[in-house]
Protein backbone atom coordinates (compact mmCIF):
# COMPACT_ATOMS: atom_id res chain seq x y z
CA MET A 1 15.71 -26.06 -43.24
CA THR A 2 15.59 -29.47 -41.93
CA GLY A 3 13.24 -30.85 -44.49
CA LEU A 4 10.82 -31.74 -41.93
CA SER A 5 7.16 -31.33 -42.68
CA PRO A 6 5.23 -28.69 -40.34
CA ALA A 7 3.22 -30.03 -37.58
CA PRO A 8 -0.34 -30.90 -38.65
CA ASP A 9 -2.99 -28.20 -37.50
CA PRO A 10 -5.97 -29.85 -35.38
CA THR A 11 -8.15 -27.11 -36.78
CA GLU A 12 -7.54 -28.02 -40.33
CA LEU A 13 -8.15 -31.52 -39.45
CA GLU A 14 -11.44 -30.51 -37.75
CA HIS A 15 -12.43 -28.52 -40.63
CA ALA A 16 -11.73 -31.43 -42.92
CA ILE A 17 -13.83 -33.69 -41.11
CA THR A 18 -17.02 -31.18 -40.74
CA THR A 19 -16.40 -30.09 -44.55
CA LEU A 20 -16.56 -34.10 -45.41
CA GLU A 21 -19.77 -34.81 -43.26
CA VAL A 22 -21.63 -31.61 -44.98
CA GLU A 23 -20.57 -33.07 -48.30
CA MET A 24 -21.56 -36.50 -47.90
CA ALA A 25 -25.15 -36.26 -49.61
CA ASP A 26 -23.33 -34.48 -52.50
CA LEU A 27 -20.89 -37.09 -52.63
CA GLN A 28 -23.33 -40.02 -52.71
CA LEU A 29 -25.21 -38.06 -55.55
CA ARG A 30 -22.12 -37.27 -57.75
CA HIS A 31 -21.13 -40.95 -57.49
CA ARG A 32 -24.42 -43.04 -58.37
CA ASP A 33 -22.14 -45.95 -58.81
CA LEU A 34 -21.47 -47.73 -55.25
CA PHE A 35 -17.71 -48.59 -56.28
CA ALA A 36 -17.23 -44.73 -57.56
CA TYR A 37 -18.84 -43.60 -54.23
CA ALA A 38 -16.55 -45.86 -52.14
CA ASN A 39 -13.43 -44.70 -54.14
CA ALA A 40 -14.22 -40.94 -53.67
CA TRP A 41 -15.00 -41.73 -49.89
CA ALA A 42 -11.56 -43.66 -49.81
CA GLU A 43 -9.73 -40.74 -51.09
CA ARG A 44 -11.46 -38.30 -48.92
CA HIS A 45 -10.64 -40.68 -45.84
CA ASP A 46 -7.06 -41.15 -46.64
CA ALA A 47 -6.56 -37.23 -47.28
CA ILE A 48 -8.08 -36.53 -43.88
CA MET A 49 -6.10 -39.50 -42.01
CA ARG A 50 -2.85 -37.68 -43.58
CA LEU A 51 -3.82 -34.56 -41.69
CA SER A 52 -4.23 -36.42 -38.46
CA PRO A 53 -1.37 -36.25 -35.94
CA PRO A 54 -0.17 -39.34 -34.42
CA GLU A 55 -2.19 -38.51 -31.11
CA LEU A 56 -5.29 -38.07 -33.00
CA ARG A 57 -5.20 -40.96 -35.28
CA ALA A 58 -7.32 -43.21 -33.19
CA GLY A 59 -10.21 -40.67 -32.45
CA THR A 60 -9.89 -39.49 -36.13
CA GLU A 61 -10.37 -43.13 -37.44
CA ALA A 62 -13.47 -43.56 -35.27
CA ARG A 63 -15.25 -40.36 -36.48
CA LEU A 64 -14.54 -41.51 -39.99
CA ARG A 65 -15.87 -44.84 -39.37
CA ARG A 66 -19.16 -43.42 -37.67
CA ILE A 67 -19.83 -41.25 -40.77
CA ALA A 68 -19.07 -44.26 -43.11
CA ILE A 69 -21.53 -46.27 -41.26
CA ARG A 70 -24.32 -43.35 -41.37
CA TRP A 71 -23.62 -43.32 -45.17
CA GLY A 72 -23.48 -46.98 -45.89
CA LEU A 73 -20.01 -47.27 -46.55
CA ALA A 74 -18.86 -49.35 -43.57
CA ASP A 75 -20.75 -52.28 -41.73
CA GLY A 76 -21.90 -51.36 -38.47
CA VAL A 77 -25.08 -50.54 -36.36
CA ARG A 78 -27.04 -47.22 -36.96
CA LEU A 79 -28.47 -46.31 -33.68
CA THR A 80 -31.61 -44.36 -33.30
CA ALA A 81 -33.80 -43.31 -30.49
CA GLN A 82 -37.41 -42.83 -30.04
CA PHE A 83 -38.72 -39.80 -28.54
CA PRO A 84 -42.47 -40.53 -28.09
CA ALA A 85 -44.43 -37.30 -28.34
CA LEU A 86 -46.91 -38.07 -25.73
CA GLY A 87 -46.13 -39.43 -22.27
CA ARG A 88 -47.22 -42.86 -21.09
CA THR A 89 -50.77 -42.73 -19.46
């Protein structure tokens, strides 16, 4: 036994990010106080980053930042697109 921790599993990382995205509405509802909500987010963020192998950290951080922007936990622009129902006449 060398004492080294096993290599992170990319599927576990993907599952953790997907689960976080699905649970964000519940996380926001359970933590009505903004500071409690932000703290809960930070704990989940840090847990996911610990799962991320070094070569995936930048991408993982970017994905988590986009989630944080969508849910109002980070500054950034929320982009939306408009899809008109009727074509131009």
